[in-house]
Amino acid sequence: APGKEREFVAAISWSSSITDYADSVKGRFTISR
């Protein structure tokens, strides 16, 4: 964001078996591949 450092949002393993989210976006964002 403007004036802020880059922050983690979401991650996913190659098989989609593992995902992780920043607390600020949990329940709202979904990562997939």
PDB file of all heavy atoms in Angstrom:
ATOM      1  N   ALA A   1       0.837  -1.184   0.000  1.00  0.00           N
ATOM      2  CA  ALA A   1       0.000   0.000   0.000  1.00  0.00           C
ATOM      3  C   ALA A   1       0.881   1.246   0.000  1.00  0.00           C
ATOM      4  O   ALA A   1       2.043   1.193   0.405  1.00  0.00           O
ATOM      5  CB  ALA A   1      -0.917  -0.001   1.217  1.00  0.00           C
ATOM      6  N   PRO A   2       0.341   2.380  -0.429  1.00  0.00           N
ATOM      7  CA  PRO A   2       1.118   3.616  -0.438  1.00  0.00           C
ATOM      8  C   PRO A   2       1.687   3.937   0.938  1.00  0.00           C
ATOM      9  O   PRO A   2       0.964   3.924   1.936  1.00  0.00           O
ATOM     10  CB  PRO A   2       0.096   4.674  -0.869  1.00  0.00           C
ATOM     11  CG  PRO A   2      -0.887   3.911  -1.689  1.00  0.00           C
ATOM     12  CD  PRO A   2      -1.013   2.582  -0.989  1.00  0.00           C
ATOM     13  N   GLY A   3       2.979   4.205   0.988  1.00  0.00           N
ATOM     14  CA  GLY A   3       3.622   4.557   2.238  1.00  0.00           C
ATOM     15  C   GLY A   3       3.886   3.406   3.184  1.00  0.00           C
ATOM     16  O   GLY A   3       4.346   3.637   4.309  1.00  0.00           O
ATOM     17  N   LYS A   4       3.613   2.187   2.765  1.00  0.00           N
ATOM     18  CA  LYS A   4       3.823   1.029   3.619  1.00  0.00           C
ATOM     19  C   LYS A   4       4.752   0.021   2.950  1.00  0.00           C
ATOM     20  O   LYS A   4       4.942   0.032   1.737  1.00  0.00           O
ATOM     21  CB  LYS A   4       2.497   0.355   3.954  1.00  0.00           C
ATOM     22  CG  LYS A   4       1.548   1.207   4.786  1.00  0.00           C
ATOM     23  CD  LYS A   4       0.318   0.414   5.177  1.00  0.00           C
ATOM     24  CE  LYS A   4      -0.602   1.227   6.066  1.00  0.00           C
ATOM     25  NZ  LYS A   4      -1.801   0.442   6.469  1.00  0.00           N
ATOM     26  N   GLU A   5       5.296  -0.873   3.767  1.00  0.00           N
ATOM     27  CA  GLU A   5       6.147  -1.931   3.248  1.00  0.00           C
ATOM     28  C   GLU A   5       5.287  -3.059   2.685  1.00  0.00           C
ATOM     29  O   GLU A   5       4.126  -3.212   3.039  1.00  0.00           O
ATOM     30  CB  GLU A   5       7.058  -2.471   4.351  1.00  0.00           C
ATOM     31  CG  GLU A   5       8.063  -1.462   4.879  1.00  0.00           C
ATOM     32  CD  GLU A   5       9.003  -2.058   5.901  1.00  0.00           C
ATOM     33  OE1 GLU A   5       8.790  -3.209   6.322  1.00  0.00           O
ATOM     34  OE2 GLU A   5       9.963  -1.369   6.276  1.00  0.00           O
ATOM     35  N   ARG A   6       5.888  -3.836   1.815  1.00  0.00           N
ATOM     36  CA  ARG A   6       5.181  -4.973   1.253  1.00  0.00           C
ATOM     37  C   ARG A   6       4.848  -5.977   2.354  1.00  0.00           C
ATOM     38  O   ARG A   6       5.671  -6.251   3.233  1.00  0.00           O
ATOM     39  CB  ARG A   6       6.029  -5.633   0.169  1.00  0.00           C
ATOM     40  CG  ARG A   6       5.307  -6.722  -0.603  1.00  0.00           C
ATOM     41  CD  ARG A   6       6.158  -7.254  -1.749  1.00  0.00           C
ATOM     42  NE  ARG A   6       6.473  -6.231  -2.727  1.00  0.00           N
ATOM     43  CZ  ARG A   6       7.086  -6.473  -3.888  1.00  0.00           C
ATOM     44  NH1 ARG A   6       7.439  -7.716  -4.205  1.00  0.00           N
ATOM     45  NH2 ARG A   6       7.346  -5.473  -4.711  1.00  0.00           N
ATOM     46  N   GLU A   7       3.642  -6.537   2.306  1.00  0.00           N
ATOM     47  CA  GLU A   7       3.215  -7.481   3.316  1.00  0.00           C
ATOM     48  C   GLU A   7       2.653  -8.750   2.694  1.00  0.00           C
ATOM     49  O   GLU A   7       2.091  -8.741   1.597  1.00  0.00           O
ATOM     50  CB  GLU A   7       2.163  -6.849   4.242  1.00  0.00           C
ATOM     51  CG  GLU A   7       0.867  -6.481   3.546  1.00  0.00           C
ATOM     52  CD  GLU A   7      -0.186  -5.938   4.492  1.00  0.00           C
ATOM     53  OE1 GLU A   7      -0.002  -6.033   5.719  1.00  0.00           O
ATOM     54  OE2 GLU A   7      -1.205  -5.409   3.995  1.00  0.00           O
ATOM     55  N   PHE A   8       2.775  -9.828   3.430  1.00  0.00           N
ATOM     56  CA  PHE A   8       2.259 -11.120   3.009  1.00  0.00           C
ATOM     57  C   PHE A   8       0.742 -11.111   2.988  1.00  0.00           C
ATOM     58  O   PHE A   8       0.103 -10.555   3.881  1.00  0.00           O
ATOM     59  CB  PHE A   8       2.761 -12.196   3.970  1.00  0.00           C
ATOM     60  CG  PHE A   8       2.021 -13.502   3.871  1.00  0.00           C
ATOM     61  CD1 PHE A   8       2.300 -14.400   2.855  1.00  0.00           C
ATOM     62  CD2 PHE A   8       1.051 -13.829   4.800  1.00  0.00           C
ATOM     63  CE1 PHE A   8       1.627 -15.603   2.761  1.00  0.00           C
ATOM     64  CE2 PHE A   8       0.366 -15.032   4.723  1.00  0.00           C
ATOM     65  CZ  PHE A   8       0.662 -15.920   3.700  1.00  0.00           C
ATOM     66  N   VAL A   9       0.161 -11.750   1.977  1.00  0.00           N
ATOM     67  CA  VAL A   9      -1.287 -11.855   1.871  1.00  0.00           C
ATOM     68  C   VAL A   9      -1.745 -13.310   1.936  1.00  0.00           C
ATOM     69  O   VAL A   9      -2.583 -13.675   2.757  1.00  0.00           O
ATOM     70  CB  VAL A   9      -1.811 -11.217   0.571  1.00  0.00           C
ATOM     71  CG1 VAL A   9      -3.310 -11.456   0.415  1.00  0.00           C
ATOM     72  CG2 VAL A   9      -1.515  -9.721   0.562  1.00  0.00           C
ATOM     73  N   ALA A  10      -1.204 -14.149   1.055  1.00  0.00           N
ATOM     74  CA  ALA A  10      -1.637 -15.540   0.993  1.00  0.00           C
ATOM     75  C   ALA A  10      -0.577 -16.385   0.322  1.00  0.00           C
ATOM     76  O   ALA A  10       0.230 -15.890  -0.461  1.00  0.00           O
ATOM     77  CB  ALA A  10      -2.962 -15.659   0.235  1.00  0.00           C
ATOM     78  N   ALA A  11      -0.586 -17.682   0.618  1.00  0.00           N
ATOM     79  CA  ALA A  11       0.369 -18.607   0.025  1.00  0.00           C
ATOM     80  C   ALA A  11      -0.300 -19.946  -0.239  1.00  0.00           C
ATOM     81  O   ALA A  11      -1.281 -20.306   0.422  1.00  0.00           O
ATOM     82  CB  ALA A  11       1.571 -18.798   0.942  1.00  0.00           C
ATOM     83  N   ILE A  12       0.253 -20.688  -1.195  1.00  0.00           N
ATOM     84  CA  ILE A  12      -0.302 -21.985  -1.553  1.00  0.00           C
ATOM     85  C   ILE A  12       0.821 -22.916  -2.005  1.00  0.00           C
ATOM     86  O   ILE A  12       1.754 -22.494  -2.692  1.00  0.00           O
ATOM     87  CB  ILE A  12      -1.383 -21.827  -2.649  1.00  0.00           C
ATOM     88  CG1 ILE A  12      -2.114 -23.142  -2.904  1.00  0.00           C
ATOM     89  CG2 ILE A  12      -0.773 -21.272  -3.937  1.00  0.00           C
ATOM     90  CD1 ILE A  12      -3.369 -22.967  -3.758  1.00  0.00           C
ATOM     91  N   SER A  13       0.733 -24.175  -1.602  1.00  0.00           N
ATOM     92  CA  SER A  13       1.718 -25.161  -2.017  1.00  0.00           C
ATOM     93  C   SER A  13       1.446 -25.601  -3.451  1.00  0.00           C
ATOM     94  O   SER A  13       0.386 -25.320  -4.014  1.00  0.00           O
ATOM     95  CB  SER A  13       1.696 -26.365  -1.075  1.00  0.00           C
ATOM     96  OG  SER A  13       0.453 -27.047  -1.144  1.00  0.00           O
ATOM     97  N   TRP A  14       2.394 -26.327  -4.023  1.00  0.00           N
ATOM     98  CA  TRP A  14       2.261 -26.698  -5.442  1.00  0.00           C
ATOM     99  C   TRP A  14       1.041 -27.571  -5.705  1.00  0.00           C
ATOM    100  O   TRP A  14       0.452 -27.517  -6.793  1.00  0.00           O
ATOM    101  CB  TRP A  14       3.530 -27.406  -5.917  1.00  0.00           C
ATOM    102  CG  TRP A  14       3.695 -28.799  -5.391  1.00  0.00           C
ATOM    103  CD1 TRP A  14       4.343 -29.183  -4.257  1.00  0.00           C
ATOM    104  CD2 TRP A  14       3.202 -30.010  -5.992  1.00  0.00           C
ATOM    105  NE1 TRP A  14       4.286 -30.545  -4.097  1.00  0.00           N
ATOM    106  CE2 TRP A  14       3.596 -31.076  -5.154  1.00  0.00           C
ATOM    107  CE3 TRP A  14       2.476 -30.289  -7.143  1.00  0.00           C
ATOM    108  CZ2 TRP A  14       3.272 -32.404  -5.437  1.00  0.00           C
ATOM    109  CZ3 TRP A  14       2.160 -31.611  -7.423  1.00  0.00           C
ATOM    110  CH2 TRP A  14       2.560 -32.644  -6.582  1.00  0.00           C
ATOM    111  N   SER A  15       0.672 -28.391  -4.725  1.00  0.00           N
ATOM    112  CA  SER A  15      -0.455 -29.301  -4.894  1.00  0.00           C
ATOM    113  C   SER A  15      -1.769 -28.719  -4.373  1.00  0.00           C
ATOM    114  O   SER A  15      -2.804 -29.386  -4.448  1.00  0.00           O
ATOM    115  CB  SER A  15      -0.178 -30.614  -4.173  1.00  0.00           C
ATOM    116  OG  SER A  15      -0.098 -30.417  -2.774  1.00  0.00           O
ATOM    117  N   SER A  16      -1.733 -27.513  -3.841  1.00  0.00           N
ATOM    118  CA  SER A  16      -2.887 -26.847  -3.228  1.00  0.00           C
ATOM    119  C   SER A  16      -3.303 -27.500  -1.920  1.00  0.00           C
ATOM    120  O   SER A  16      -4.369 -27.185  -1.388  1.00  0.00           O
ATOM    121  CB  SER A  16      -4.085 -26.808  -4.181  1.00  0.00           C
ATOM    122  OG  SER A  16      -3.783 -26.081  -5.352  1.00  0.00           O
ATOM    123  N   SER A  17      -2.474 -28.396  -1.397  1.00  0.00           N
ATOM    124  CA  SER A  17      -2.819 -29.088  -0.162  1.00  0.00           C
ATOM    125  C   SER A  17      -2.643 -28.208   1.070  1.00  0.00           C
ATOM    126  O   SER A  17      -3.214 -28.495   2.122  1.00  0.00           O
ATOM    127  CB  SER A  17      -1.978 -30.352  -0.009  1.00  0.00           C
ATOM    128  OG  SER A  17      -0.597 -30.048   0.067  1.00  0.00           O
ATOM    129  N   ILE A  18      -1.854 -27.151   0.939  1.00  0.00           N
ATOM    130  CA  ILE A  18      -1.599 -26.254   2.057  1.00  0.00           C
ATOM    131  C   ILE A  18      -1.808 -24.818   1.612  1.00  0.00           C
ATOM    132  O   ILE A  18      -1.314 -24.412   0.562  1.00  0.00           O
ATOM    133  CB  ILE A  18      -0.165 -26.401   2.599  1.00  0.00           C
ATOM    134  CG1 ILE A  18       0.150 -27.861   2.930  1.00  0.00           C
ATOM    135  CG2 ILE A  18       0.034 -25.528   3.833  1.00  0.00           C
ATOM    136  CD1 ILE A  18       1.600 -28.102   3.287  1.00  0.00           C
ATOM    137  N   THR A  19      -2.536 -24.064   2.403  1.00  0.00           N
ATOM    138  CA  THR A  19      -2.708 -22.636   2.154  1.00  0.00           C
ATOM    139  C   THR A  19      -2.523 -21.877   3.451  1.00  0.00           C
ATOM    140  O   THR A  19      -2.661 -22.431   4.538  1.00  0.00           O
ATOM    141  CB  THR A  19      -4.093 -22.311   1.571  1.00  0.00           C
ATOM    142  OG1 THR A  19      -5.113 -22.776   2.463  1.00  0.00           O
ATOM    143  CG2 THR A  19      -4.283 -22.970   0.215  1.00  0.00           C
ATOM    144  N   ASP A  20      -2.221 -20.600   3.322  1.00  0.00           N
ATOM    145  CA  ASP A  20      -2.044 -19.756   4.491  1.00  0.00           C
ATOM    146  C   ASP A  20      -2.448 -18.338   4.120  1.00  0.00           C
ATOM    147  O   ASP A  20      -2.303 -17.926   2.963  1.00  0.00           O
ATOM    148  CB  ASP A  20      -0.589 -19.788   4.968  1.00  0.00           C
ATOM    149  CG  ASP A  20      -0.408 -19.150   6.335  1.00  0.00           C
ATOM    150  OD1 ASP A  20      -1.368 -19.145   7.124  1.00  0.00           O
ATOM    151  OD2 ASP A  20       0.710 -18.659   6.621  1.00  0.00           O
ATOM    152  N   TYR A  21      -2.952 -17.605   5.120  1.00  0.00           N
ATOM    153  CA  TYR A  21      -3.429 -16.254   4.881  1.00  0.00           C
ATOM    154  C   TYR A  21      -3.009 -15.318   5.996  1.00  0.00           C
ATOM    155  O   TYR A  21      -2.866 -15.722   7.154  1.00  0.00           O
ATOM    156  CB  TYR A  21      -4.960 -16.224   4.802  1.00  0.00           C
ATOM    157  CG  TYR A  21      -5.544 -17.071   3.712  1.00  0.00           C
ATOM    158  CD1 TYR A  21      -5.897 -18.397   3.949  1.00  0.00           C
ATOM    159  CD2 TYR A  21      -5.744 -16.549   2.440  1.00  0.00           C
ATOM    160  CE1 TYR A  21      -6.434 -19.182   2.945  1.00  0.00           C
ATOM    161  CE2 TYR A  21      -6.283 -17.326   1.430  1.00  0.00           C
ATOM    162  CZ  TYR A  21      -6.625 -18.643   1.687  1.00  0.00           C
ATOM    163  OH  TYR A  21      -7.162 -19.414   0.684  1.00  0.00           O
ATOM    164  N   ALA A  22      -2.829 -14.067   5.634  1.00  0.00           N
ATOM    165  CA  ALA A  22      -2.626 -13.052   6.645  1.00  0.00           C
ATOM    166  C   ALA A  22      -3.918 -12.899   7.440  1.00  0.00           C
ATOM    167  O   ALA A  22      -5.016 -13.062   6.902  1.00  0.00           O
ATOM    168  CB  ALA A  22      -2.248 -11.722   5.999  1.00  0.00           C
ATOM    169  N   ASP A  23      -3.795 -12.585   8.712  1.00  0.00           N
ATOM    170  CA  ASP A  23      -4.977 -12.443   9.556  1.00  0.00           C
ATOM    171  C   ASP A  23      -5.952 -11.397   9.010  1.00  0.00           C
ATOM    172  O   ASP A  23      -7.171 -11.542   9.146  1.00  0.00           O
ATOM    173  CB  ASP A  23      -4.573 -12.059  10.980  1.00  0.00           C
ATOM    174  CG  ASP A  23      -3.918 -13.201  11.730  1.00  0.00           C
ATOM    175  OD1 ASP A  23      -4.092 -14.367  11.326  1.00  0.00           O
ATOM    176  OD2 ASP A  23      -3.231 -12.933  12.733  1.00  0.00           O
ATOM    177  N   SER A  24      -5.426 -10.381   8.385  1.00  0.00           N
ATOM    178  CA  SER A  24      -6.257  -9.293   7.896  1.00  0.00           C
ATOM    179  C   SER A  24      -7.181  -9.689   6.750  1.00  0.00           C
ATOM    180  O   SER A  24      -8.154  -8.985   6.474  1.00  0.00           O
ATOM    181  CB  SER A  24      -5.376  -8.118   7.459  1.00  0.00           C
ATOM    182  OG  SER A  24      -4.486  -8.503   6.428  1.00  0.00           O
ATOM    183  N   VAL A  25      -6.888 -10.812   6.087  1.00  0.00           N
ATOM    184  CA  VAL A  25      -7.704 -11.210   4.940  1.00  0.00           C
ATOM    185  C   VAL A  25      -8.397 -12.548   5.139  1.00  0.00           C
ATOM    186  O   VAL A  25      -9.171 -12.968   4.260  1.00  0.00           O
ATOM    187  CB  VAL A  25      -6.870 -11.255   3.644  1.00  0.00           C
ATOM    188  CG1 VAL A  25      -6.166  -9.928   3.409  1.00  0.00           C
ATOM    189  CG2 VAL A  25      -5.862 -12.403   3.680  1.00  0.00           C
ATOM    190  N   LYS A  26      -8.172 -13.219   6.252  1.00  0.00           N
ATOM    191  CA  LYS A  26      -8.807 -14.508   6.502  1.00  0.00           C
ATOM    192  C   LYS A  26     -10.326 -14.383   6.472  1.00  0.00           C
ATOM    193  O   LYS A  26     -10.896 -13.465   7.049  1.00  0.00           O
ATOM    194  CB  LYS A  26      -8.360 -15.075   7.850  1.00  0.00           C
ATOM    195  CG  LYS A  26      -6.957 -15.621   7.862  1.00  0.00           C
ATOM    196  CD  LYS A  26      -6.594 -16.210   9.219  1.00  0.00           C
ATOM    197  CE  LYS A  26      -5.194 -16.785   9.213  1.00  0.00           C
ATOM    198  NZ  LYS A  26      -4.810 -17.328  10.535  1.00  0.00           N
ATOM    199  N   GLY A  27     -10.951 -15.323   5.792  1.00  0.00           N
ATOM    200  CA  GLY A  27     -12.397 -15.308   5.671  1.00  0.00           C
ATOM    201  C   GLY A  27     -12.903 -14.470   4.524  1.00  0.00           C
ATOM    202  O   GLY A  27     -14.091 -14.556   4.174  1.00  0.00           O
ATOM    203  N   ARG A  28     -12.041 -13.668   3.938  1.00  0.00           N
ATOM    204  CA  ARG A  28     -12.442 -12.809   2.824  1.00  0.00           C
ATOM    205  C   ARG A  28     -11.734 -13.163   1.519  1.00  0.00           C
ATOM    206  O   ARG A  28     -12.327 -13.063   0.449  1.00  0.00           O
ATOM    207  CB  ARG A  28     -12.166 -11.338   3.155  1.00  0.00           C
ATOM    208  CG  ARG A  28     -12.924 -10.823   4.366  1.00  0.00           C
ATOM    209  CD  ARG A  28     -12.781  -9.312   4.521  1.00  0.00           C
ATOM    210  NE  ARG A  28     -11.391  -8.910   4.725  1.00  0.00           N
ATOM    211  CZ  ARG A  28     -10.705  -8.101   3.914  1.00  0.00           C
ATOM    212  NH1 ARG A  28     -11.296  -7.614   2.819  1.00  0.00           N
ATOM    213  NH2 ARG A  28      -9.460  -7.776   4.183  1.00  0.00           N
ATOM    214  N   PHE A  29     -10.474 -13.555   1.609  1.00  0.00           N
ATOM    215  CA  PHE A  29      -9.682 -13.879   0.423  1.00  0.00           C
ATOM    216  C   PHE A  29      -9.470 -15.387   0.320  1.00  0.00           C
ATOM    217  O   PHE A  29      -9.360 -16.084   1.333  1.00  0.00           O
ATOM    218  CB  PHE A  29      -8.309 -13.208   0.489  1.00  0.00           C
ATOM    219  CG  PHE A  29      -8.317 -11.710   0.335  1.00  0.00           C
ATOM    220  CD1 PHE A  29      -9.489 -10.978   0.365  1.00  0.00           C
ATOM    221  CD2 PHE A  29      -7.116 -11.039   0.162  1.00  0.00           C
ATOM    222  CE1 PHE A  29      -9.491  -9.601   0.230  1.00  0.00           C
ATOM    223  CE2 PHE A  29      -7.097  -9.659   0.022  1.00  0.00           C
ATOM    224  CZ  PHE A  29      -8.278  -8.937   0.056  1.00  0.00           C
ATOM    225  N   THR A  30      -9.377 -15.881  -0.904  1.00  0.00           N
ATOM    226  CA  THR A  30      -9.102 -17.287  -1.149  1.00  0.00           C
ATOM    227  C   THR A  30      -8.056 -17.417  -2.246  1.00  0.00           C
ATOM    228  O   THR A  30      -8.226 -16.871  -3.335  1.00  0.00           O
ATOM    229  CB  THR A  30     -10.366 -18.048  -1.576  1.00  0.00           C
ATOM    230  OG1 THR A  30     -11.373 -17.928  -0.567  1.00  0.00           O
ATOM    231  CG2 THR A  30     -10.047 -19.531  -1.780  1.00  0.00           C
ATOM    232  N   ILE A  31      -6.986 -18.142  -1.947  1.00  0.00           N
ATOM    233  CA  ILE A  31      -5.961 -18.399  -2.943  1.00  0.00           C
ATOM    234  C   ILE A  31      -6.186 -19.786  -3.538  1.00  0.00           C
ATOM    235  O   ILE A  31      -6.548 -20.724  -2.826  1.00  0.00           O
ATOM    236  CB  ILE A  31      -4.541 -18.279  -2.337  1.00  0.00           C
ATOM    237  CG1 ILE A  31      -3.473 -18.373  -3.435  1.00  0.00           C
ATOM    238  CG2 ILE A  31      -4.311 -19.326  -1.257  1.00  0.00           C
ATOM    239  CD1 ILE A  31      -2.064 -18.046  -2.939  1.00  0.00           C
ATOM    240  N   SER A  32      -5.994 -19.906  -4.829  1.00  0.00           N
ATOM    241  CA  SER A  32      -6.153 -21.188  -5.509  1.00  0.00           C
ATOM    242  C   SER A  32      -5.233 -21.218  -6.717  1.00  0.00           C
ATOM    243  O   SER A  32      -4.632 -20.207  -7.075  1.00  0.00           O
ATOM    244  CB  SER A  32      -7.617 -21.407  -5.928  1.00  0.00           C
ATOM    245  OG  SER A  32      -8.039 -20.417  -6.844  1.00  0.00           O
ATOM    246  N   ARG A  33      -5.133 -22.380  -7.339  1.00  0.00           N
ATOM    247  CA  ARG A  33      -4.282 -22.476  -8.518  1.00  0.00           C
ATOM    248  C   ARG A  33      -4.795 -23.529  -9.469  1.00  0.00           C
ATOM    249  O   ARG A  33      -5.476 -24.482  -9.081  1.00  0.00           O
ATOM    250  CB  ARG A  33      -2.833 -22.773  -8.113  1.00  0.00           C
ATOM    251  CG  ARG A  33      -2.606 -24.127  -7.454  1.00  0.00           C
ATOM    252  CD  ARG A  33      -1.217 -24.203  -6.817  1.00  0.00           C
ATOM    253  NE  ARG A  33      -0.155 -24.050  -7.798  1.00  0.00           N
ATOM    254  CZ  ARG A  33       1.121 -23.828  -7.499  1.00  0.00           C
ATOM    255  NH1 ARG A  33       1.489 -23.708  -6.224  1.00  0.00           N
ATOM    256  NH2 ARG A  33       2.029 -23.703  -8.460  1.00  0.00           N
TER     257      ARG A  33
END
